[in-house]
Amino acid sequence: MKIVVSGGGTGGHIYPALALIREIQKENKDAQVLYIGTKNGLESTLVPREEIPFKAIHITGFKRKLSLDNIKTVLRFLKGVRDSKRMLKEFQPDIVIGTGGYVCGPVVYAASKLNIPTIVHEQNSVPGLTNKFLSRYVNKVAICFEEAREHFPNEKVEFTGNPRASEVMGKDGIRGRLSAGLSTTMPAVLIFGGSRGARPINDAVVKALSEFADKPYQVLYITGDVHFKDVQNEVELIGNPKNVVIKPFIHNMPEILAGIDLVVSRAGATTLAEITSLGIPSILIPSPYVTNNHQEKNARSLSDHGAAELLLEKDLNSKSLIQHIDKIILDDENLRMMKIKAKKLGVPDSAHRLYKLMKQLIKGKQK
């Protein structure tokens, strides 16, 4: 079996792709995988680190406003299609899967024109421009939120969930807590603002530190690398409570999550896939700066089902943050019910579901 995977730009597109590749390698030891991305994207670092063959094309995204740059983008797209066709003819894949980001556009489009089975995977409740464009050409569209279904041709849509959800299962929560410097006995709250952090969340947490000191729970607070020094400077002035552990970044998120009772975070698709698979209640502070406000819509898919509390950034401050945390973590029954509701929304076998969909398309092509 030969598979081409393409996805790039942000971790939200790349980590599901890597999770799928690991599932493919687990299920089929002889499978050959080629990843096509861009040289400037995060994928150019993350993919080779996993020892996965990587090739790059040059492509940029469209501007949503009228711009001369869009003419250049069209020319780059056409060249990207030609380059992708050459790579695909050389590799001869059985299927091509796009997990989002503008790099998928020329790669998946080229595959469809070469009559290679194709899938696009949409992580968010509101799809981006690339996946909406590609949905006209691919064989199947895999979704993670039922809310995304209406944006695609219904006969092509399959609900699979996010492959990243499968990777957080079966981890040792006690080991995760110890690795982060947390107690194994107190309830634990994880607060983070995505891989790079989020200044509004950092501001609220720093101002809440003195109140956290008196709480019967502990906090693991991830600032993001770019914000860590500024946060540390402020913390030196006001003090660091014993029950608050502050770190710039954590590399073992699946293990950490296994030992967490409540998550406070943005509403990126990968994060939501992870916490629902584990049944972790959450307080979601969606970024208002993303395309089509998709993070708020992601968040509402949980909060509308009682699995999360929605806290809009405009309403975020130290007082509202503490109130929302206390409402959940200090109420055992509320915490228990939210865990049950979050778990119901999880898709822990999502990577295998997407793998099965791949195999069905390949088998159909071979008949």
Foldseek 3Di string as FASTA:
>chain_A
DEEEEEEWADPLQVVLRVLLVVVVCVVDVPYAYEYEYACPTPCVVVVVVVVHHYDYADADDDDPDDDPVVVVRVVSLVVLLVVLLVVCVVRVGQEYEYRDDPSVQSNQQSCLVVVRAYEYEALFLDGDPRVLVCLVRHQAYEYAFPSNCVSHDNVRYDHQHRSLQQVLPPAAQVVLQVVQVADLPFAEEEEAEPQQGDVLSLQQCLVQQVVVLPDRHAYEYAHGQVCVVVSVVSCVVVHGRPRYRYHPHDDPVSNNLLNHQEYEYAQRSSVLQNCLQNLHAYEHAHDCPDPPSRRVVSVCSLVVQLLYHYDYSVRDHNVVVVVRCCVAPVDVVSSVVSSVSSNVSYNNCSSVSVVVVSVVSSVVVVD
